[in-house]
Amino acid sequence: MILAAGLGTRLRPLTDDRPKALVEVAGRTLLELTLARLKASGVVEVIINTHHFADKVADYLSAHHNFGMNIEISREEILLDTGGGMKQAASFFRPDLNGDEPFLLHNVDVLSNIDFAAMLRHHRNTSALATLAVQDRPTSRYLLFDEAGHMCGRRSGLNGPVEQVHPARELHARAFSGIHIISPRIFDLMHEEGVFSIVPVYLRLAAAGESIISFAADQYYWRDLGRPEQIAAASRDIADASFEL
């Protein structure tokens, strides 16, 4: 699932006349770049949530023949946030047919070469409910993990208050990448309704003993594409081969 419904307010004026999914980096849209990464990793079925300029996303996909993939759209009349958007699309993952086959959740406004296959192996080896790609880098909001990589809480900034939901001898603060691998079993555990973020769900489930696991992604390229200056920086990375499309 590609999360692409947001208003893209941080990307203005680039999103004044288009959704953030159709903002371009080096001549290719964020949506195309994300789909290309997924397709190269063997993903053939994708659902995309939309809201802001939703018709433009549908028209774009149609004009490009869905980039040779099986793509559905989950249109949100109101923004449902990450958790609500994922829950609305739950039927796409068909847990009744696919059992506990995990799925990938990916923000449209990040660019990375994180190895999805390695992340999936880690997810399966740890029998996690959800696996989150994280890095040791500065951020405004940290997720906290114990020495074994189990989620224990979160913190705002370097010195903000800690919300700890699970005991740990040491807390390791990591920046989340916006890339998850999730077991569809999570839908049976999501009591939240309407508009809600997925992170508080993870914290609640971690407190209840569910395994929310980190995947260390420090060796990989990753860039947030949420602001015009970050779009420009990514274009430079591509131009000087710091990142290969």
C-alpha atoms as a PDB file:
ATOM      1  CA  MET A   1       0.000   0.000   0.000  1.00  0.00           C
ATOM      2  CA  ILE A   2       1.256   3.459  -0.926  1.00  0.00           C
ATOM      3  CA  LEU A   3       0.137   6.262   1.379  1.00  0.00           C
ATOM      4  CA  ALA A   4      -0.520   9.184  -0.963  1.00  0.00           C
ATOM      5  CA  ALA A   5      -3.650  10.888   0.378  1.00  0.00           C
ATOM      6  CA  GLY A   6      -2.063  13.802   2.236  1.00  0.00           C
ATOM      7  CA  LEU A   7      -2.489  17.446   1.287  1.00  0.00           C
ATOM      8  CA  GLY A   8       1.235  17.951   0.776  1.00  0.00           C
ATOM      9  CA  THR A   9       1.147  21.276   2.594  1.00  0.00           C
ATOM     10  CA  ARG A  10       4.906  21.199   3.255  1.00  0.00           C
ATOM     11  CA  LEU A  11       5.469  20.882  -0.491  1.00  0.00           C
ATOM     12  CA  ARG A  12       3.598  24.026  -1.454  1.00  0.00           C
ATOM     13  CA  PRO A  13       3.647  25.685  -3.963  1.00  0.00           C
ATOM     14  CA  LEU A  14       4.419  22.408  -5.802  1.00  0.00           C
ATOM     15  CA  THR A  15       1.139  20.917  -4.578  1.00  0.00           C
ATOM     16  CA  ASP A  16      -1.070  23.922  -5.348  1.00  0.00           C
ATOM     17  CA  ASP A  17      -2.271  22.230  -8.537  1.00  0.00           C
ATOM     18  CA  ARG A  18      -1.437  18.561  -8.016  1.00  0.00           C
ATOM     19  CA  PRO A  19      -1.236  15.875  -5.319  1.00  0.00           C
ATOM     20  CA  LYS A  20       2.150  15.277  -3.741  1.00  0.00           C
ATOM     21  CA  ALA A  21       2.238  11.879  -5.477  1.00  0.00           C
ATOM     22  CA  LEU A  22       2.598  13.707  -8.808  1.00  0.00           C
ATOM     23  CA  VAL A  23       5.371  16.081  -7.752  1.00  0.00           C
ATOM     24  CA  GLU A  24       8.452  15.300  -9.842  1.00  0.00           C
ATOM     25  CA  VAL A  25      12.033  14.432  -8.954  1.00  0.00           C
ATOM     26  CA  ALA A  26      14.454  14.359 -11.888  1.00  0.00           C
ATOM     27  CA  GLY A  27      11.557  14.213 -14.322  1.00  0.00           C
ATOM     28  CA  ARG A  28       9.704  11.345 -12.617  1.00  0.00           C
ATOM     29  CA  THR A  29       6.809  11.571 -10.190  1.00  0.00           C
ATOM     30  CA  LEU A  30       7.078  10.434  -6.596  1.00  0.00           C
ATOM     31  CA  LEU A  31       4.390   7.871  -7.361  1.00  0.00           C
ATOM     32  CA  GLU A  32       6.256   6.469 -10.354  1.00  0.00           C
ATOM     33  CA  LEU A  33       9.478   6.234  -8.362  1.00  0.00           C
ATOM     34  CA  THR A  34       7.737   4.365  -5.546  1.00  0.00           C
ATOM     35  CA  LEU A  35       5.936   2.014  -7.919  1.00  0.00           C
ATOM     36  CA  ALA A  36       9.186   1.312  -9.791  1.00  0.00           C
ATOM     37  CA  ARG A  37      10.924   0.361  -6.534  1.00  0.00           C
ATOM     38  CA  LEU A  38       8.065  -1.919  -5.547  1.00  0.00           C
ATOM     39  CA  LYS A  39       7.869  -3.547  -8.970  1.00  0.00           C
ATOM     40  CA  ALA A  40      11.632  -4.168  -9.020  1.00  0.00           C
ATOM     41  CA  SER A  41      11.216  -5.944  -5.676  1.00  0.00           C
ATOM     42  CA  GLY A  42       8.553  -8.266  -7.033  1.00  0.00           C
ATOM     43  CA  VAL A  43       5.429  -6.439  -5.882  1.00  0.00           C
ATOM     44  CA  VAL A  44       2.650  -6.692  -8.470  1.00  0.00           C
ATOM     45  CA  GLU A  45      -0.469  -5.716  -6.499  1.00  0.00           C
ATOM     46  CA  VAL A  46      -0.760  -2.246  -4.992  1.00  0.00           C
ATOM     47  CA  ILE A  47      -3.462  -0.123  -3.417  1.00  0.00           C
ATOM     48  CA  ILE A  48      -2.999   3.648  -3.204  1.00  0.00           C
ATOM     49  CA  ASN A  49      -5.019   5.899  -0.927  1.00  0.00           C
ATOM     50  CA  THR A  50      -5.962   9.272  -2.401  1.00  0.00           C
ATOM     51  CA  HIS A  51      -7.734  12.459  -1.363  1.00  0.00           C
ATOM     52  CA  HIS A  52      -6.083  15.701  -2.536  1.00  0.00           C
ATOM     53  CA  PHE A  53      -6.566  15.941  -6.343  1.00  0.00           C
ATOM     54  CA  ALA A  54      -7.613  12.284  -6.260  1.00  0.00           C
ATOM     55  CA  ASP A  55      -8.898  12.322  -9.851  1.00  0.00           C
ATOM     56  CA  LYS A  56      -5.470  13.405 -11.104  1.00  0.00           C
ATOM     57  CA  VAL A  57      -3.895  10.311  -9.545  1.00  0.00           C
ATOM     58  CA  ALA A  58      -6.486   8.048 -11.177  1.00  0.00           C
ATOM     59  CA  ASP A  59      -6.043   9.737 -14.559  1.00  0.00           C
ATOM     60  CA  TYR A  60      -2.250   9.530 -14.287  1.00  0.00           C
ATOM     61  CA  LEU A  61      -2.327   5.807 -13.534  1.00  0.00           C
ATOM     62  CA  SER A  62      -4.752   5.176 -16.369  1.00  0.00           C
ATOM     63  CA  ALA A  63      -2.597   7.137 -18.822  1.00  0.00           C
ATOM     64  CA  HIS A  64       0.395   4.982 -17.850  1.00  0.00           C
ATOM     65  CA  HIS A  65      -1.542   1.683 -17.888  1.00  0.00           C
ATOM     66  CA  ASN A  66      -0.910   1.271 -14.169  1.00  0.00           C
ATOM     67  CA  PHE A  67       2.802   0.851 -14.967  1.00  0.00           C
ATOM     68  CA  GLY A  68       2.117  -2.794 -15.732  1.00  0.00           C
ATOM     69  CA  MET A  69       0.875  -3.525 -12.202  1.00  0.00           C
ATOM     70  CA  ASN A  70      -2.459  -4.429 -10.638  1.00  0.00           C
ATOM     71  CA  ILE A  71      -3.396  -1.172  -8.900  1.00  0.00           C
ATOM     72  CA  GLU A  72      -6.487  -0.205  -6.941  1.00  0.00           C
ATOM     73  CA  ILE A  73      -7.359   3.145  -5.399  1.00  0.00           C
ATOM     74  CA  SER A  74      -8.779   3.706  -1.917  1.00  0.00           C
ATOM     75  CA  ARG A  75     -10.356   7.162  -2.121  1.00  0.00           C
ATOM     76  CA  GLU A  76     -10.787   9.018   1.158  1.00  0.00           C
ATOM     77  CA  GLU A  77     -13.552  11.620   1.305  1.00  0.00           C
ATOM     78  CA  ILE A  78     -11.908  12.913   4.467  1.00  0.00           C
ATOM     79  CA  LEU A  79      -8.278  12.322   5.341  1.00  0.00           C
ATOM     80  CA  LEU A  80      -8.098   9.225   7.524  1.00  0.00           C
ATOM     81  CA  ASP A  81      -4.403   9.466   8.515  1.00  0.00           C
ATOM     82  CA  THR A  82      -2.079   6.465   8.269  1.00  0.00           C
ATOM     83  CA  GLY A  83      -3.990   4.070  10.490  1.00  0.00           C
ATOM     84  CA  GLY A  84      -7.452   4.996   9.284  1.00  0.00           C
ATOM     85  CA  GLY A  85      -6.341   4.894   5.660  1.00  0.00           C
ATOM     86  CA  MET A  86      -4.816   1.465   6.078  1.00  0.00           C
ATOM     87  CA  LYS A  87      -7.897   0.137   7.863  1.00  0.00           C
ATOM     88  CA  GLN A  88     -10.193   1.391   5.099  1.00  0.00           C
ATOM     89  CA  ALA A  89      -8.120  -0.627   2.607  1.00  0.00           C
ATOM     90  CA  ALA A  90      -8.090  -3.798   4.744  1.00  0.00           C
ATOM     91  CA  SER A  91     -10.169  -5.863   2.319  1.00  0.00           C
ATOM     92  CA  PHE A  92      -7.475  -5.418  -0.358  1.00  0.00           C
ATOM     93  CA  PHE A  93      -5.095  -7.582   1.670  1.00  0.00           C
ATOM     94  CA  ARG A  94      -7.627 -10.447   1.809  1.00  0.00           C
ATOM     95  CA  PRO A  95      -6.430 -12.047   5.052  1.00  0.00           C
ATOM     96  CA  ASP A  96      -9.202 -14.632   4.609  1.00  0.00           C
ATOM     97  CA  LEU A  97      -7.490 -15.858   1.417  1.00  0.00           C
ATOM     98  CA  ASN A  98      -3.835 -15.018   2.032  1.00  0.00           C
ATOM     99  CA  GLY A  99      -3.663 -16.006   5.666  1.00  0.00           C
ATOM    100  CA  ASP A 100      -0.920 -14.129   7.454  1.00  0.00           C
ATOM    101  CA  GLU A 101       1.012 -13.127   4.297  1.00  0.00           C
ATOM    102  CA  PRO A 102       2.611  -9.762   5.204  1.00  0.00           C
ATOM    103  CA  PHE A 103       2.221  -6.585   3.183  1.00  0.00           C
ATOM    104  CA  LEU A 104       4.348  -3.477   2.659  1.00  0.00           C
ATOM    105  CA  LEU A 105       3.153  -0.003   3.658  1.00  0.00           C
ATOM    106  CA  HIS A 106       5.153   2.821   2.034  1.00  0.00           C
ATOM    107  CA  ASN A 107       4.877   6.618   2.181  1.00  0.00           C
ATOM    108  CA  VAL A 108       4.852   8.147  -1.295  1.00  0.00           C
ATOM    109  CA  ASP A 109       7.046  11.065  -0.196  1.00  0.00           C
ATOM    110  CA  VAL A 110      10.205   9.150   0.682  1.00  0.00           C
ATOM    111  CA  LEU A 111      12.999   8.013  -1.614  1.00  0.00           C
ATOM    112  CA  SER A 112      15.171   5.069  -0.612  1.00  0.00           C
ATOM    113  CA  ASN A 113      16.949   1.922  -1.731  1.00  0.00           C
ATOM    114  CA  ILE A 114      16.060   0.003   1.411  1.00  0.00           C
ATOM    115  CA  ASP A 115      16.173  -3.717   0.659  1.00  0.00           C
ATOM    116  CA  PHE A 116      12.568  -4.880   0.978  1.00  0.00           C
ATOM    117  CA  ALA A 117      13.557  -8.541   0.643  1.00  0.00           C
ATOM    118  CA  ALA A 118      15.989  -8.274   3.569  1.00  0.00           C
ATOM    119  CA  MET A 119      13.349  -6.421   5.566  1.00  0.00           C
ATOM    120  CA  LEU A 120      10.794  -9.146   4.827  1.00  0.00           C
ATOM    121  CA  ARG A 121      13.233 -11.858   5.930  1.00  0.00           C
ATOM    122  CA  HIS A 122      13.794  -9.976   9.180  1.00  0.00           C
ATOM    123  CA  HIS A 123      10.040  -9.663   9.663  1.00  0.00           C
ATOM    124  CA  ARG A 124       9.506 -13.378   9.185  1.00  0.00           C
ATOM    125  CA  ASN A 125      12.534 -14.446  11.238  1.00  0.00           C
ATOM    126  CA  THR A 126      11.310 -12.434  14.213  1.00  0.00           C
ATOM    127  CA  SER A 127       7.635 -13.435  13.808  1.00  0.00           C
ATOM    128  CA  ALA A 128       6.791  -9.741  14.128  1.00  0.00           C
ATOM    129  CA  LEU A 129       3.350  -8.217  13.871  1.00  0.00           C
ATOM    130  CA  ALA A 130       4.949  -5.174  12.252  1.00  0.00           C
ATOM    131  CA  THR A 131       8.491  -4.327  11.200  1.00  0.00           C
ATOM    132  CA  LEU A 132       9.544  -0.681  10.867  1.00  0.00           C
ATOM    133  CA  ALA A 133      12.560   0.486   8.869  1.00  0.00           C
ATOM    134  CA  VAL A 134      14.472   2.913  11.095  1.00  0.00           C
ATOM    135  CA  GLN A 135      17.738   4.832  11.039  1.00  0.00           C
ATOM    136  CA  ASP A 136      20.061   6.465  13.537  1.00  0.00           C
ATOM    137  CA  ARG A 137      19.640  10.061  12.351  1.00  0.00           C
ATOM    138  CA  PRO A 138      18.224  13.334  13.705  1.00  0.00           C
ATOM    139  CA  THR A 139      14.449  13.744  13.601  1.00  0.00           C
ATOM    140  CA  SER A 140      11.728  15.682  15.385  1.00  0.00           C
ATOM    141  CA  ARG A 141      10.009  12.492  16.564  1.00  0.00           C
ATOM    142  CA  TYR A 142      11.841   9.366  17.685  1.00  0.00           C
ATOM    143  CA  LEU A 143      10.607   5.832  18.152  1.00  0.00           C
ATOM    144  CA  LEU A 144      12.190   3.981  21.072  1.00  0.00           C
ATOM    145  CA  PHE A 145      13.334   0.363  20.983  1.00  0.00           C
ATOM    146  CA  ASP A 146      15.001  -1.998  23.451  1.00  0.00           C
ATOM    147  CA  GLU A 147      18.314  -3.754  22.836  1.00  0.00           C
ATOM    148  CA  ALA A 148      16.513  -6.546  20.925  1.00  0.00           C
ATOM    149  CA  GLY A 149      14.735  -4.094  18.626  1.00  0.00           C
ATOM    150  CA  HIS A 150      11.275  -4.279  20.200  1.00  0.00           C
ATOM    151  CA  MET A 151       9.296  -1.036  20.237  1.00  0.00           C
ATOM    152  CA  CYS A 152       9.092   0.442  23.720  1.00  0.00           C
ATOM    153  CA  GLY A 153       7.853   3.988  23.229  1.00  0.00           C
ATOM    154  CA  ARG A 154       8.434   7.328  21.548  1.00  0.00           C
ATOM    155  CA  ARG A 155       9.922  10.730  22.248  1.00  0.00           C
ATOM    156  CA  SER A 156       9.633  14.204  20.735  1.00  0.00           C
ATOM    157  CA  GLY A 157      13.026  15.664  19.797  1.00  0.00           C
ATOM    158  CA  LEU A 158      16.310  15.041  21.564  1.00  0.00           C
ATOM    159  CA  ASN A 159      15.159  15.932  25.055  1.00  0.00           C
ATOM    160  CA  GLY A 160      11.383  15.757  24.918  1.00  0.00           C
ATOM    161  CA  PRO A 161       9.204  13.739  27.293  1.00  0.00           C
ATOM    162  CA  VAL A 162       9.378   9.966  26.873  1.00  0.00           C
ATOM    163  CA  GLU A 163       6.235   7.917  26.400  1.00  0.00           C
ATOM    164  CA  GLN A 164       7.335   4.421  27.378  1.00  0.00           C
ATOM    165  CA  VAL A 165       4.899   1.530  26.945  1.00  0.00           C
ATOM    166  CA  HIS A 166       7.174  -1.438  27.606  1.00  0.00           C
ATOM    167  CA  PRO A 167      10.041  -1.926  30.089  1.00  0.00           C
ATOM    168  CA  ALA A 168      13.614  -1.914  28.771  1.00  0.00           C
ATOM    169  CA  ARG A 169      17.097  -1.780  30.299  1.00  0.00           C
ATOM    170  CA  GLU A 170      18.181   0.599  27.549  1.00  0.00           C
ATOM    171  CA  LEU A 171      16.192   2.739  25.159  1.00  0.00           C
ATOM    172  CA  HIS A 172      17.498   3.291  21.640  1.00  0.00           C
ATOM    173  CA  ALA A 173      16.007   6.273  19.808  1.00  0.00           C
ATOM    174  CA  ARG A 174      15.588   5.814  16.069  1.00  0.00           C
ATOM    175  CA  ALA A 175      14.054   7.821  13.233  1.00  0.00           C
ATOM    176  CA  PHE A 176      11.255   6.081  11.356  1.00  0.00           C
ATOM    177  CA  SER A 177      11.538   5.892   7.556  1.00  0.00           C
ATOM    178  CA  GLY A 178       7.845   5.651   6.626  1.00  0.00           C
ATOM    179  CA  ILE A 179       8.280   2.067   5.414  1.00  0.00           C
ATOM    180  CA  HIS A 180       6.593  -0.839   7.232  1.00  0.00           C
ATOM    181  CA  ILE A 181       6.020  -4.556   6.722  1.00  0.00           C
ATOM    182  CA  ILE A 182       2.854  -5.659   8.500  1.00  0.00           C
ATOM    183  CA  SER A 183       0.995  -8.874   9.180  1.00  0.00           C
ATOM    184  CA  PRO A 184      -2.697  -8.618   8.191  1.00  0.00           C
ATOM    185  CA  ARG A 185      -3.426 -10.037  11.643  1.00  0.00           C
ATOM    186  CA  ILE A 186      -3.145  -6.420  12.763  1.00  0.00           C
ATOM    187  CA  PHE A 187      -6.634  -5.711  11.411  1.00  0.00           C
ATOM    188  CA  ASP A 188      -8.121  -8.025  14.046  1.00  0.00           C
ATOM    189  CA  LEU A 189      -6.341  -5.969  16.709  1.00  0.00           C
ATOM    190  CA  MET A 190      -7.194  -2.472  15.445  1.00  0.00           C
ATOM    191  CA  HIS A 191     -10.095  -1.221  17.568  1.00  0.00           C
ATOM    192  CA  GLU A 192      -9.559   2.365  16.484  1.00  0.00           C
ATOM    193  CA  GLU A 193     -12.117   3.872  14.101  1.00  0.00           C
ATOM    194  CA  GLY A 194     -12.245   6.830  11.746  1.00  0.00           C
ATOM    195  CA  VAL A 195      -9.237   9.147  11.609  1.00  0.00           C
ATOM    196  CA  PHE A 196      -6.151   7.844  13.424  1.00  0.00           C
ATOM    197  CA  SER A 197      -2.400   7.453  13.063  1.00  0.00           C
ATOM    198  CA  ILE A 198      -0.768   4.031  12.977  1.00  0.00           C
ATOM    199  CA  VAL A 199       1.992   4.872  15.496  1.00  0.00           C
ATOM    200  CA  PRO A 200      -0.324   5.038  18.553  1.00  0.00           C
ATOM    201  CA  VAL A 201      -1.734   1.681  17.428  1.00  0.00           C
ATOM    202  CA  TYR A 202       1.776   0.247  17.410  1.00  0.00           C
ATOM    203  CA  LEU A 203       2.412   1.667  20.883  1.00  0.00           C
ATOM    204  CA  ARG A 204      -0.828   0.216  22.247  1.00  0.00           C
ATOM    205  CA  LEU A 205      -0.085  -3.189  20.755  1.00  0.00           C
ATOM    206  CA  ALA A 206       3.531  -3.132  21.972  1.00  0.00           C
ATOM    207  CA  ALA A 207       2.234  -2.403  25.476  1.00  0.00           C
ATOM    208  CA  ALA A 208      -0.029  -5.453  25.135  1.00  0.00           C
ATOM    209  CA  GLY A 209       2.941  -7.665  24.275  1.00  0.00           C
ATOM    210  CA  GLU A 210       2.724  -7.716  20.489  1.00  0.00           C
ATOM    211  CA  SER A 211       6.021  -7.721  18.610  1.00  0.00           C
ATOM    212  CA  ILE A 212       6.624  -4.398  16.857  1.00  0.00           C
ATOM    213  CA  ILE A 213      10.202  -4.712  15.574  1.00  0.00           C
ATOM    214  CA  SER A 214      12.820  -2.361  14.128  1.00  0.00           C
ATOM    215  CA  PHE A 215      14.760  -3.041  10.947  1.00  0.00           C
ATOM    216  CA  ALA A 216      18.085  -1.180  10.959  1.00  0.00           C
ATOM    217  CA  ALA A 217      18.307   0.675   7.638  1.00  0.00           C
ATOM    218  CA  ASP A 218      21.373   2.845   8.280  1.00  0.00           C
ATOM    219  CA  GLN A 219      23.320   1.326   5.383  1.00  0.00           C
ATOM    220  CA  TYR A 220      20.723   2.416   2.848  1.00  0.00           C
ATOM    221  CA  TYR A 221      20.004   5.696   1.106  1.00  0.00           C
ATOM    222  CA  TRP A 222      16.872   7.412   2.422  1.00  0.00           C
ATOM    223  CA  ARG A 223      15.500  10.908   1.957  1.00  0.00           C
ATOM    224  CA  ASP A 224      12.300  12.606   3.037  1.00  0.00           C
ATOM    225  CA  LEU A 225      10.680  14.360   0.066  1.00  0.00           C
ATOM    226  CA  GLY A 226       8.227  16.432   2.046  1.00  0.00           C
ATOM    227  CA  ARG A 227       9.621  19.890   1.223  1.00  0.00           C
ATOM    228  CA  PRO A 228      10.655  21.638  -2.022  1.00  0.00           C
ATOM    229  CA  GLU A 229      14.274  21.891  -0.879  1.00  0.00           C
ATOM    230  CA  GLN A 230      14.332  18.139  -0.257  1.00  0.00           C
ATOM    231  CA  ILE A 231      12.979  17.515  -3.757  1.00  0.00           C
ATOM    232  CA  ALA A 232      15.844  19.649  -5.089  1.00  0.00           C
ATOM    233  CA  ALA A 233      18.377  17.757  -2.954  1.00  0.00           C
ATOM    234  CA  ALA A 234      17.092  14.409  -4.213  1.00  0.00           C
ATOM    235  CA  SER A 235      17.381  15.651  -7.802  1.00  0.00           C
ATOM    236  CA  ARG A 236      21.020  16.539  -7.128  1.00  0.00           C
ATOM    237  CA  ASP A 237      21.625  13.103  -5.597  1.00  0.00           C
ATOM    238  CA  ILE A 238      20.292  11.495  -8.751  1.00  0.00           C
ATOM    239  CA  ALA A 239      22.290  13.812 -11.008  1.00  0.00           C
ATOM    240  CA  ASP A 240      25.591  13.046  -9.248  1.00  0.00           C
ATOM    241  CA  ALA A 241      24.775   9.314  -8.895  1.00  0.00           C
ATOM    242  CA  SER A 242      24.543   9.412  -5.102  1.00  0.00           C
ATOM    243  CA  PHE A 243      21.260   7.626  -5.689  1.00  0.00           C
ATOM    244  CA  GLU A 244      20.431   5.486  -8.712  1.00  0.00           C
ATOM    245  CA  LEU A 245      16.895   5.260 -10.040  1.00  0.00           C
END
